[in-house]
């Protein structure tokens, strides 16, 4: 399931992994420049909708930070 939220595209879906069981795959991309904020997968029973809700909360927290998604960290 894909959705957009506050300038970000959230994609969360279940799919079969190479081992033959269902995994939860997810990503967040910033729409303005295509920056990949988060991506990964997990073997969990969590629902797609619950994960999307978590990511919306994460986006809110990141946007409230001075350095969202740690872009400037480590740059001189």
N, C-alpha and C. Protein backbone atom coordinates (compact mmCIF):
# COMPACT_ATOMS: atom_id res chain seq x y z
N UNK A 1 0.85 -1.16 0.00
CA UNK A 1 0.00 0.00 0.00
C UNK A 1 0.90 1.23 0.00
N UNK A 2 0.66 2.13 -0.93
CA UNK A 2 1.40 3.38 -1.01
C UNK A 2 0.50 4.52 -0.60
N UNK A 3 1.11 5.49 0.09
CA UNK A 3 0.39 6.70 0.46
C UNK A 3 1.40 7.84 0.52
N UNK A 4 0.91 9.05 0.41
CA UNK A 4 1.77 10.21 0.59
C UNK A 4 1.36 10.92 1.87
N UNK A 5 2.36 11.50 2.53
CA UNK A 5 2.12 12.18 3.79
C UNK A 5 3.19 13.25 3.99
N UNK A 6 2.77 14.49 4.09
CA UNK A 6 3.66 15.62 4.37
C UNK A 6 4.91 15.61 3.50
N UNK A 7 4.72 15.42 2.20
CA UNK A 7 5.83 15.47 1.26
C UNK A 7 6.66 14.21 1.16
N UNK A 8 6.15 13.10 1.67
CA UNK A 8 6.87 11.83 1.64
C UNK A 8 5.96 10.74 1.06
N UNK A 9 6.56 9.80 0.35
CA UNK A 9 5.82 8.64 -0.12
C UNK A 9 6.15 7.46 0.80
N UNK A 10 5.13 6.88 1.38
CA UNK A 10 5.28 5.72 2.25
C UNK A 10 4.78 4.50 1.48
N UNK A 11 5.60 3.46 1.44
CA UNK A 11 5.20 2.21 0.78
C UNK A 11 5.41 1.08 1.78
N UNK A 12 4.34 0.38 2.10
CA UNK A 12 4.40 -0.78 3.01
C UNK A 12 3.58 -1.88 2.37
N UNK A 13 4.19 -3.05 2.24
CA UNK A 13 3.45 -4.18 1.65
C UNK A 13 4.03 -5.50 2.13
N UNK A 14 3.21 -6.53 2.04
CA UNK A 14 3.64 -7.89 2.34
C UNK A 14 3.93 -8.60 1.02
N UNK A 15 4.99 -9.39 1.06
CA UNK A 15 5.35 -10.17 -0.12
C UNK A 15 6.12 -11.39 0.33
N UNK A 16 6.18 -12.36 -0.54
CA UNK A 16 6.89 -13.60 -0.26
C UNK A 16 8.40 -13.35 -0.36
N UNK A 17 9.14 -13.80 0.63
CA UNK A 17 10.61 -13.70 0.56
C UNK A 17 11.15 -14.95 -0.12
N UNK A 18 12.44 -14.99 -0.37
CA UNK A 18 13.04 -16.14 -1.04
C UNK A 18 12.94 -17.42 -0.21
N UNK A 19 12.78 -17.26 1.10
CA UNK A 19 12.64 -18.43 1.96
C UNK A 19 11.25 -19.04 1.90
N UNK A 20 10.29 -18.33 1.31
CA UNK A 20 8.96 -18.88 1.11
C UNK A 20 7.90 -18.41 2.09
N UNK A 21 8.23 -17.48 2.99
CA UNK A 21 7.22 -16.97 3.91
C UNK A 21 6.99 -15.49 3.64
N UNK A 22 5.94 -14.96 4.22
CA UNK A 22 5.56 -13.56 4.04
C UNK A 22 6.42 -12.65 4.91
N UNK A 23 6.89 -11.56 4.32
CA UNK A 23 7.65 -10.53 5.03
C UNK A 23 6.96 -9.19 4.82
N UNK A 24 7.21 -8.26 5.71
CA UNK A 24 6.69 -6.90 5.60
C UNK A 24 7.82 -6.02 5.07
N UNK A 25 7.63 -5.44 3.88
CA UNK A 25 8.62 -4.58 3.25
C UNK A 25 8.14 -3.13 3.34
N UNK A 26 9.07 -2.19 3.56
CA UNK A 26 8.67 -0.80 3.74
C UNK A 26 9.73 0.17 3.25
N UNK A 27 9.27 1.38 2.89
CA UNK A 27 10.18 2.45 2.52
C UNK A 27 9.49 3.80 2.68
N UNK A 28 10.31 4.82 2.90
CA UNK A 28 9.86 6.20 2.91
C UNK A 28 10.81 6.98 2.00
N UNK A 29 10.25 7.67 1.01
CA UNK A 29 11.02 8.54 0.13
C UNK A 29 10.46 9.96 0.22
N UNK A 30 11.36 10.95 0.25
CA UNK A 30 10.94 12.34 0.22
C UNK A 30 10.61 12.68 -1.23
N UNK A 31 9.45 13.26 -1.47
CA UNK A 31 9.00 13.51 -2.83
C UNK A 31 9.76 14.65 -3.51
N UNK A 32 10.23 15.63 -2.75
CA UNK A 32 10.86 16.80 -3.36
C UNK A 32 12.13 16.47 -4.12
N UNK A 33 12.91 15.49 -3.62
CA UNK A 33 14.19 15.18 -4.26
C UNK A 33 14.48 13.68 -4.37
N UNK A 34 13.53 12.84 -3.98
CA UNK A 34 13.73 11.39 -4.08
C UNK A 34 14.62 10.79 -3.01
N UNK A 35 14.95 11.56 -1.97
CA UNK A 35 15.81 11.08 -0.89
C UNK A 35 15.18 9.88 -0.19
N UNK A 36 15.93 8.79 -0.07
CA UNK A 36 15.44 7.59 0.62
C UNK A 36 15.67 7.79 2.12
N UNK A 37 14.61 7.98 2.86
CA UNK A 37 14.68 8.24 4.30
C UNK A 37 14.83 6.95 5.10
N UNK A 38 14.04 5.95 4.76
CA UNK A 38 14.03 4.67 5.46
C UNK A 38 13.64 3.58 4.47
N UNK A 39 14.25 2.42 4.61
CA UNK A 39 13.77 1.25 3.86
C UNK A 39 14.22 0.01 4.60
N UNK A 40 13.47 -1.05 4.43
CA UNK A 40 13.83 -2.29 5.08
C UNK A 40 12.72 -3.31 4.99
N UNK A 41 12.85 -4.33 5.82
CA UNK A 41 11.87 -5.40 5.86
C UNK A 41 11.91 -6.03 7.24
N UNK A 42 10.85 -6.73 7.58
CA UNK A 42 10.80 -7.43 8.86
C UNK A 42 9.86 -8.61 8.78
N UNK A 43 10.16 -9.59 9.57
CA UNK A 43 9.32 -10.78 9.70
C UNK A 43 8.42 -10.51 10.90
N UNK A 44 7.24 -9.96 10.64
CA UNK A 44 6.37 -9.55 11.73
C UNK A 44 4.92 -9.76 11.35
N UNK A 45 4.09 -9.87 12.37
CA UNK A 45 2.65 -10.01 12.16
C UNK A 45 1.95 -8.66 12.14
N UNK A 46 2.71 -7.59 12.24
CA UNK A 46 2.15 -6.25 12.24
C UNK A 46 1.40 -5.99 10.93
N UNK A 47 0.30 -5.27 11.01
CA UNK A 47 -0.48 -4.99 9.80
C UNK A 47 0.16 -3.85 9.01
N UNK A 48 -0.16 -3.84 7.72
CA UNK A 48 0.33 -2.78 6.85
C UNK A 48 -0.16 -1.43 7.35
N UNK A 49 -1.42 -1.35 7.72
CA UNK A 49 -1.99 -0.07 8.19
C UNK A 49 -1.32 0.42 9.48
N UNK A 50 -1.00 -0.50 10.38
CA UNK A 50 -0.32 -0.10 11.62
C UNK A 50 1.08 0.43 11.33
N UNK A 51 1.78 -0.19 10.39
CA UNK A 51 3.13 0.26 10.03
C UNK A 51 3.06 1.64 9.37
N UNK A 52 2.09 1.86 8.53
CA UNK A 52 1.92 3.17 7.91
C UNK A 52 1.65 4.23 8.98
N UNK A 53 0.83 3.90 9.95
CA UNK A 53 0.55 4.83 11.04
C UNK A 53 1.85 5.16 11.79
N UNK A 54 2.67 4.15 12.07
CA UNK A 54 3.96 4.38 12.72
C UNK A 54 4.84 5.31 11.90
N UNK A 55 4.87 5.10 10.59
CA UNK A 55 5.71 5.92 9.74
C UNK A 55 5.21 7.36 9.65
N UNK A 56 3.92 7.56 9.69
CA UNK A 56 3.40 8.94 9.72
C UNK A 56 3.86 9.64 10.99
N UNK A 57 3.83 8.93 12.11
CA UNK A 57 4.33 9.50 13.36
C UNK A 57 5.83 9.77 13.27
N UNK A 58 6.57 8.87 12.63
CA UNK A 58 8.02 9.04 12.46
C UNK A 58 8.32 10.28 11.61
N UNK A 59 7.57 10.47 10.54
CA UNK A 59 7.75 11.64 9.68
C UNK A 59 7.50 12.91 10.48
N UNK A 60 6.44 12.93 11.28
CA UNK A 60 6.15 14.09 12.12
C UNK A 60 7.32 14.39 13.05
N UNK A 61 7.88 13.35 13.69
CA UNK A 61 9.02 13.55 14.59
C UNK A 61 10.24 14.06 13.85
N UNK A 62 10.52 13.48 12.69
CA UNK A 62 11.69 13.90 11.91
C UNK A 62 11.57 15.35 11.46
N UNK A 63 10.40 15.74 10.99
CA UNK A 63 10.22 17.10 10.51
C UNK A 63 10.29 18.13 11.63
N UNK A 64 10.07 17.70 12.86
CA UNK A 64 10.18 18.60 14.01
C UNK A 64 11.64 18.79 14.44
N UNK A 65 12.55 17.96 13.94
CA UNK A 65 13.96 18.03 14.30
C UNK A 65 14.68 19.10 13.48
N UNK A 66 15.82 19.58 14.01
CA UNK A 66 16.66 20.53 13.28
C UNK A 66 17.32 19.87 12.08
N UNK A 67 17.63 18.60 12.18
CA UNK A 67 18.30 17.86 11.11
C UNK A 67 17.51 16.59 10.79
N UNK A 68 16.37 16.75 10.07
CA UNK A 68 15.56 15.56 9.78
C UNK A 68 16.33 14.54 8.95
N UNK A 69 16.16 13.30 9.29
CA UNK A 69 16.76 12.15 8.62
C UNK A 69 18.29 12.21 8.69
N UNK A 70 18.85 12.98 9.61
CA UNK A 70 20.29 13.07 9.86
C UNK A 70 21.10 13.42 8.60
N UNK A 71 20.55 14.26 7.78
CA UNK A 71 21.22 14.60 6.52
C UNK A 71 22.54 15.37 6.75
N UNK A 72 22.57 16.27 7.71
CA UNK A 72 23.74 17.13 7.90
C UNK A 72 24.76 16.54 8.86
N UNK A 73 24.38 15.49 9.58
CA UNK A 73 25.27 14.89 10.55
C UNK A 73 26.56 14.41 9.87
N UNK A 74 27.67 14.81 10.44
CA UNK A 74 28.96 14.37 9.92
C UNK A 74 29.50 15.21 8.78
N UNK A 75 28.73 16.21 8.31
CA UNK A 75 29.21 17.08 7.24
C UNK A 75 29.87 18.30 7.86
N UNK A 76 30.99 18.72 7.32
CA UNK A 76 31.71 19.89 7.85
C UNK A 76 31.36 21.12 7.08
